[in-house]
Amino acid sequence: MSYIAAVLLLSGAVITFLATVGVLKFRDVFLRMHASSKSASLGVIIMFVGTAFHFAELDVAFKMAVAVFLVFLKTPVASQCIARAAYFLHDQSFWHTLERNEWHGTAPNGKAEETPTRN
């Protein structure tokens, strides 16, 4: 059991470290957000599972399961909020290269912008 826990804890730490390197190396907020939300969450979840294996007690495993659930719950919401805030603050350094922009024409409150019509 302790070898499994050690492997899980070490691999979670490596994934989290690589996410940190991604946050430091990527050029804009959207790529940094992707590195921090996806990779760091995976690393943290793997470390929670490794902690549950290390202690091998039911109450610790339950607490780690609740922590994993909370990470799964908060990460997409936080990423969406950060992305919308960055988009509407005009940090759109790579949006011109995309073929489809789903937020174009929406206001920060989520409603469609009024476009003036010419008669």
Protein backbone atom coordinates (compact mmCIF):
# COMPACT_ATOMS: atom_id res chain seq x y z
CA MET A 1 0.00 0.00 0.00
CA SER A 2 2.76 2.48 0.80
CA TYR A 3 4.35 2.00 -2.63
CA ILE A 4 1.07 2.78 -4.35
CA ALA A 5 0.66 5.87 -2.19
CA ALA A 6 4.22 6.98 -2.93
CA VAL A 7 3.77 6.56 -6.68
CA LEU A 8 0.46 8.45 -6.61
CA LEU A 9 1.83 11.29 -4.49
CA LEU A 10 4.95 11.63 -6.63
CA SER A 11 3.07 11.53 -9.93
CA GLY A 12 0.55 14.08 -8.63
CA ALA A 13 3.39 16.37 -7.58
CA VAL A 14 5.06 16.04 -11.00
CA ILE A 15 1.82 16.84 -12.83
CA THR A 16 1.22 19.84 -10.59
CA PHE A 17 4.78 21.03 -11.19
CA LEU A 18 4.32 20.72 -14.95
CA ALA A 19 1.10 22.74 -14.65
CA THR A 20 3.06 25.44 -12.84
CA VAL A 21 5.66 25.48 -15.60
CA GLY A 22 2.82 25.81 -18.12
CA VAL A 23 1.38 28.78 -16.25
CA LEU A 24 4.78 30.46 -16.30
CA LYS A 25 5.61 29.68 -19.93
CA PHE A 26 2.34 30.16 -21.83
CA ARG A 27 1.82 33.52 -23.50
CA ASP A 28 -1.76 34.52 -22.71
CA VAL A 29 -4.39 34.15 -20.04
CA PHE A 30 -6.42 31.51 -21.87
CA LEU A 31 -3.54 29.08 -22.29
CA ARG A 32 -2.43 29.72 -18.71
CA MET A 33 -5.94 29.09 -17.50
CA HIS A 34 -6.02 25.79 -19.36
CA ALA A 35 -2.75 24.67 -17.77
CA SER A 36 -3.83 25.66 -14.30
CA SER A 37 -7.33 24.24 -14.44
CA LYS A 38 -6.77 20.92 -16.18
CA SER A 39 -3.31 19.79 -15.15
CA ALA A 40 -3.22 21.18 -11.64
CA SER A 41 -6.62 19.71 -10.87
CA LEU A 42 -5.52 16.30 -12.10
CA GLY A 43 -2.35 16.52 -10.02
CA VAL A 44 -4.23 17.53 -6.89
CA ILE A 45 -6.79 14.76 -7.35
CA ILE A 46 -4.05 12.16 -7.79
CA MET A 47 -2.39 13.43 -4.61
CA PHE A 48 -5.72 13.18 -2.73
CA VAL A 49 -6.07 9.58 -3.85
CA GLY A 50 -2.48 8.91 -2.79
CA THR A 51 -3.22 10.41 0.62
CA ALA A 52 -6.23 8.13 1.00
CA PHE A 53 -4.06 5.12 0.12
CA HIS A 54 -1.34 6.21 2.54
CA PHE A 55 -3.58 6.46 5.58
CA ALA A 56 -5.85 3.52 4.57
CA GLU A 57 -8.61 4.64 6.93
CA LEU A 58 -12.25 5.08 6.03
CA ASP A 59 -12.66 8.59 7.46
CA VAL A 60 -9.58 9.87 5.60
CA ALA A 61 -10.78 8.24 2.38
CA PHE A 62 -14.17 9.89 2.82
CA LYS A 63 -12.57 13.30 3.39
CA MET A 64 -10.40 12.85 0.30
CA ALA A 65 -13.46 11.82 -1.75
CA VAL A 66 -15.24 14.99 -0.64
CA ALA A 67 -12.16 17.02 -1.56
CA VAL A 68 -12.02 15.41 -5.02
CA PHE A 69 -15.72 16.17 -5.51
CA LEU A 70 -15.15 19.81 -4.55
CA VAL A 71 -12.22 20.11 -6.96
CA PHE A 72 -14.40 18.67 -9.75
CA LEU A 73 -17.14 21.11 -8.77
CA LYS A 74 -15.14 24.32 -8.54
CA THR A 75 -12.59 24.01 -11.35
CA PRO A 76 -14.91 24.36 -14.37
CA VAL A 77 -16.80 27.23 -12.76
CA ALA A 78 -13.64 29.13 -11.88
CA SER A 79 -12.15 28.54 -15.32
CA GLN A 80 -15.28 29.81 -17.03
CA CYS A 81 -15.35 32.93 -14.85
CA ILE A 82 -11.69 33.68 -15.53
CA ALA A 83 -12.10 33.13 -19.26
CA ARG A 84 -15.17 35.37 -19.53
CA ALA A 85 -13.52 38.11 -17.48
CA ALA A 86 -10.38 37.98 -19.62
CA TYR A 87 -12.40 37.96 -22.84
CA PHE A 88 -14.52 40.94 -21.86
CA LEU A 89 -11.46 42.83 -20.61
CA HIS A 90 -10.16 42.49 -24.18
CA ASP A 91 -7.27 40.15 -23.56
CA GLN A 92 -7.95 38.52 -26.92
CA SER A 93 -4.44 38.00 -28.21
CA PHE A 94 -5.24 34.85 -30.14
CA TRP A 95 -8.98 35.09 -30.83
CA HIS A 96 -8.40 36.38 -34.35
CA THR A 97 -6.92 32.99 -35.31
CA LEU A 98 -10.06 31.05 -34.37
CA GLU A 99 -12.67 30.06 -36.92
CA ARG A 100 -15.54 30.30 -34.43
CA ASN A 101 -16.00 32.80 -31.61
CA GLU A 102 -19.01 31.84 -29.51
CA TRP A 103 -18.84 34.90 -27.26
CA HIS A 104 -18.82 37.44 -30.09
CA GLY A 105 -21.84 39.69 -29.83
CA THR A 106 -22.62 38.98 -26.18
CA ALA A 107 -22.33 41.40 -23.32
CA PRO A 108 -20.61 40.50 -20.03
CA ASN A 109 -24.03 39.88 -18.46
CA GLY A 110 -24.69 37.09 -20.99
CA LYS A 111 -27.36 38.90 -22.99
CA ALA A 112 -27.09 39.67 -26.68
CA GLU A 113 -25.74 43.10 -27.49
CA GLU A 114 -28.05 45.50 -29.24
CA THR A 115 -26.76 46.27 -32.68
CA PRO A 116 -28.00 49.51 -34.16
CA THR A 117 -29.91 49.07 -37.39
CA ARG A 118 -29.78 51.55 -40.22
CA ASN A 119 -32.94 52.43 -42.07
